Amino acid sequence: MYVYISGSLYIEDVTMHLMKHLYLHPSIRTCILYAMEELACDNTTYTSTTGKQYNFNVADAMNNLLVNALLSKGQLKSNQEYSFDFKHQFIEIEKYDAKPAYRSSWDMVPALP
């Protein structure tokens, strides 16, 4: 489940890692894409003191789903407090629609670790 909930761009990852559990569902790719669209959130734009703008996505709906999944599986206890740390990792890619991001590079975009 974590493979696609974490924001993987490739549905094949789900098939590769979860096929033994999901092989009875031929339309699983469609279902996963639909669920990911339902979890989508608008980007938030942050403007630094120097006037540069940075876009990021907190993904509240996806984070809530992850926490609820961990609670339902017993990996988290509902009567305890937890602190979740979120970090951006910047990876170099070649994208035709890339916008300046980290250190004004045109092909550096944020990705989950």
C-alpha atoms as a PDB file:
ATOM      1  CA  MET A   1       0.000   0.000   0.000  1.00  0.00           C
ATOM      2  CA  TYR A   2       2.786   2.454   0.841  1.00  0.00           C
ATOM      3  CA  VAL A   3       4.206   2.200  -2.674  1.00  0.00           C
ATOM      4  CA  TYR A   4       1.385   4.161  -4.306  1.00  0.00           C
ATOM      5  CA  ILE A   5       0.193   6.173  -1.311  1.00  0.00           C
ATOM      6  CA  SER A   6       3.634   7.721  -0.925  1.00  0.00           C
ATOM      7  CA  GLY A   7       3.195   9.394  -4.290  1.00  0.00           C
ATOM      8  CA  SER A   8       4.900   7.018  -6.666  1.00  0.00           C
ATOM      9  CA  LEU A   9       4.518   8.153 -10.261  1.00  0.00           C
ATOM     10  CA  TYR A  10       4.567   4.639 -11.638  1.00  0.00           C
ATOM     11  CA  ILE A  11       1.584   2.349 -11.221  1.00  0.00           C
ATOM     12  CA  GLU A  12       3.851  -0.546 -12.260  1.00  0.00           C
ATOM     13  CA  ASP A  13       5.471  -0.231  -8.829  1.00  0.00           C
ATOM     14  CA  VAL A  14       2.158  -1.234  -7.267  1.00  0.00           C
ATOM     15  CA  THR A  15       1.848  -4.238  -9.528  1.00  0.00           C
ATOM     16  CA  MET A  16       5.407  -5.345  -8.840  1.00  0.00           C
ATOM     17  CA  HIS A  17       5.188  -5.051  -5.055  1.00  0.00           C
ATOM     18  CA  LEU A  18       1.575  -5.985  -4.380  1.00  0.00           C
ATOM     19  CA  MET A  19       0.604  -8.385  -7.174  1.00  0.00           C
ATOM     20  CA  LYS A  20       0.306 -11.397  -4.863  1.00  0.00           C
ATOM     21  CA  HIS A  21      -2.376  -9.500  -2.922  1.00  0.00           C
ATOM     22  CA  LEU A  22      -4.136  -7.764  -5.812  1.00  0.00           C
ATOM     23  CA  TYR A  23      -4.019 -10.238  -8.701  1.00  0.00           C
ATOM     24  CA  LEU A  24      -7.792 -10.868  -8.551  1.00  0.00           C
ATOM     25  CA  HIS A  25      -8.534  -7.228  -9.415  1.00  0.00           C
ATOM     26  CA  PRO A  26      -7.842  -6.608 -13.139  1.00  0.00           C
ATOM     27  CA  SER A  27      -8.847  -2.933 -12.940  1.00  0.00           C
ATOM     28  CA  ILE A  28      -6.576  -2.125  -9.998  1.00  0.00           C
ATOM     29  CA  ARG A  29      -4.503   0.434 -11.958  1.00  0.00           C
ATOM     30  CA  THR A  30      -7.638   2.417 -12.739  1.00  0.00           C
ATOM     31  CA  CYS A  31      -8.769   2.260  -9.119  1.00  0.00           C
ATOM     32  CA  ILE A  32      -5.395   3.450  -7.845  1.00  0.00           C
ATOM     33  CA  LEU A  33      -5.246   6.340 -10.299  1.00  0.00           C
ATOM     34  CA  TYR A  34      -8.787   7.337  -9.300  1.00  0.00           C
ATOM     35  CA  ALA A  35      -7.894   7.194  -5.597  1.00  0.00           C
ATOM     36  CA  MET A  36      -4.761   9.256  -6.174  1.00  0.00           C
ATOM     37  CA  GLU A  37      -6.802  11.924  -7.995  1.00  0.00           C
ATOM     38  CA  GLU A  38      -9.226  12.046  -5.050  1.00  0.00           C
ATOM     39  CA  LEU A  39      -6.292  12.636  -2.686  1.00  0.00           C
ATOM     40  CA  ALA A  40      -4.814  15.459  -4.766  1.00  0.00           C
ATOM     41  CA  CYS A  41      -4.403  18.878  -3.127  1.00  0.00           C
ATOM     42  CA  ASP A  42      -3.577  22.285  -4.527  1.00  0.00           C
ATOM     43  CA  ASN A  43       0.003  23.502  -4.243  1.00  0.00           C
ATOM     44  CA  THR A  44       0.903  26.147  -1.684  1.00  0.00           C
ATOM     45  CA  THR A  45       3.145  28.978  -2.849  1.00  0.00           C
ATOM     46  CA  TYR A  46       5.711  30.376  -0.428  1.00  0.00           C
ATOM     47  CA  THR A  47       7.393  33.701  -1.175  1.00  0.00           C
ATOM     48  CA  SER A  48      10.783  34.190   0.462  1.00  0.00           C
ATOM     49  CA  THR A  49      12.049  37.489   1.838  1.00  0.00           C
ATOM     50  CA  THR A  50      14.022  37.931  -1.397  1.00  0.00           C
ATOM     51  CA  GLY A  51      10.837  37.640  -3.437  1.00  0.00           C
ATOM     52  CA  LYS A  52      11.438  34.159  -4.871  1.00  0.00           C
ATOM     53  CA  GLN A  53       8.415  31.899  -5.022  1.00  0.00           C
ATOM     54  CA  TYR A  54       8.474  28.203  -4.162  1.00  0.00           C
ATOM     55  CA  ASN A  55       5.600  25.771  -4.682  1.00  0.00           C
ATOM     56  CA  PHE A  56       5.080  22.809  -2.397  1.00  0.00           C
ATOM     57  CA  ASN A  57       2.284  20.413  -1.572  1.00  0.00           C
ATOM     58  CA  VAL A  58       1.466  19.378   1.993  1.00  0.00           C
ATOM     59  CA  ALA A  59      -0.846  16.578   0.764  1.00  0.00           C
ATOM     60  CA  ASP A  60      -3.122  16.653   3.815  1.00  0.00           C
ATOM     61  CA  ALA A  61      -5.605  14.116   2.437  1.00  0.00           C
ATOM     62  CA  MET A  62      -2.840  11.639   1.609  1.00  0.00           C
ATOM     63  CA  ASN A  63      -1.150  12.157   4.981  1.00  0.00           C
ATOM     64  CA  ASN A  64      -4.464  11.553   6.774  1.00  0.00           C
ATOM     65  CA  LEU A  65      -4.953   8.360   4.788  1.00  0.00           C
ATOM     66  CA  LEU A  66      -1.458   7.160   5.722  1.00  0.00           C
ATOM     67  CA  VAL A  67      -1.995   7.888   9.428  1.00  0.00           C
ATOM     68  CA  ASN A  68      -5.412   6.199   9.410  1.00  0.00           C
ATOM     69  CA  ALA A  69      -3.905   3.158   7.669  1.00  0.00           C
ATOM     70  CA  LEU A  70      -1.162   2.950  10.308  1.00  0.00           C
ATOM     71  CA  LEU A  71      -3.771   3.256  13.072  1.00  0.00           C
ATOM     72  CA  SER A  72      -5.970   0.549  11.560  1.00  0.00           C
ATOM     73  CA  LYS A  73      -2.989  -1.808  11.229  1.00  0.00           C
ATOM     74  CA  GLY A  74      -1.978  -1.216  14.844  1.00  0.00           C
ATOM     75  CA  GLN A  75       1.362   0.351  13.955  1.00  0.00           C
ATOM     76  CA  LEU A  76       0.275   3.539  15.734  1.00  0.00           C
ATOM     77  CA  LYS A  77      -1.765   3.757  18.934  1.00  0.00           C
ATOM     78  CA  SER A  78      -4.722   6.147  18.950  1.00  0.00           C
ATOM     79  CA  ASN A  79      -4.090   7.284  22.537  1.00  0.00           C
ATOM     80  CA  GLN A  80      -0.500   8.465  21.965  1.00  0.00           C
ATOM     81  CA  GLU A  81       1.068  11.574  20.447  1.00  0.00           C
ATOM     82  CA  TYR A  82       3.308  11.356  17.397  1.00  0.00           C
ATOM     83  CA  SER A  83       5.473  13.905  15.634  1.00  0.00           C
ATOM     84  CA  PHE A  84       5.784  13.401  11.879  1.00  0.00           C
ATOM     85  CA  ASP A  85       8.773  14.912  10.114  1.00  0.00           C
ATOM     86  CA  PHE A  86       8.477  15.873   6.463  1.00  0.00           C
ATOM     87  CA  LYS A  87      11.452  16.717   4.257  1.00  0.00           C
ATOM     88  CA  HIS A  88      11.833  17.527   0.591  1.00  0.00           C
ATOM     89  CA  GLN A  89      14.489  15.792  -1.428  1.00  0.00           C
ATOM     90  CA  PHE A  90      15.491  17.456  -4.683  1.00  0.00           C
ATOM     91  CA  ILE A  91      16.404  15.211  -7.572  1.00  0.00           C
ATOM     92  CA  GLU A  92      17.596  16.209 -11.026  1.00  0.00           C
ATOM     93  CA  ILE A  93      15.301  15.263 -13.889  1.00  0.00           C
ATOM     94  CA  GLU A  94      14.690  16.357 -17.456  1.00  0.00           C
ATOM     95  CA  LYS A  95      11.205  17.843 -17.690  1.00  0.00           C
ATOM     96  CA  TYR A  96       9.932  20.120 -20.416  1.00  0.00           C
ATOM     97  CA  ASP A  97       7.628  21.953 -17.996  1.00  0.00           C
ATOM     98  CA  ALA A  98      10.049  22.276 -15.051  1.00  0.00           C
ATOM     99  CA  LYS A  99      10.006  25.554 -13.192  1.00  0.00           C
ATOM    100  CA  PRO A 100      12.889  27.017 -11.205  1.00  0.00           C
ATOM    101  CA  ALA A 101      13.036  25.412  -7.799  1.00  0.00           C
ATOM    102  CA  TYR A 102      15.937  24.758  -5.478  1.00  0.00           C
ATOM    103  CA  ARG A 103      18.842  27.170  -6.085  1.00  0.00           C
ATOM    104  CA  SER A 104      17.210  28.516  -9.267  1.00  0.00           C
ATOM    105  CA  SER A 105      17.947  25.366 -11.245  1.00  0.00           C
ATOM    106  CA  TRP A 106      15.424  24.663 -13.999  1.00  0.00           C
ATOM    107  CA  ASP A 107      15.523  20.898 -13.660  1.00  0.00           C
ATOM    108  CA  MET A 108      15.526  20.339  -9.915  1.00  0.00           C
ATOM    109  CA  VAL A 109      12.112  19.408  -8.550  1.00  0.00           C
ATOM    110  CA  PRO A 110      11.023  18.156  -5.119  1.00  0.00           C
ATOM    111  CA  ALA A 111      10.339  14.477  -4.570  1.00  0.00           C
ATOM    112  CA  LEU A 112       9.602  12.346  -1.552  1.00  0.00           C
ATOM    113  CA  PRO A 113      12.575  10.420  -0.173  1.00  0.00           C
END
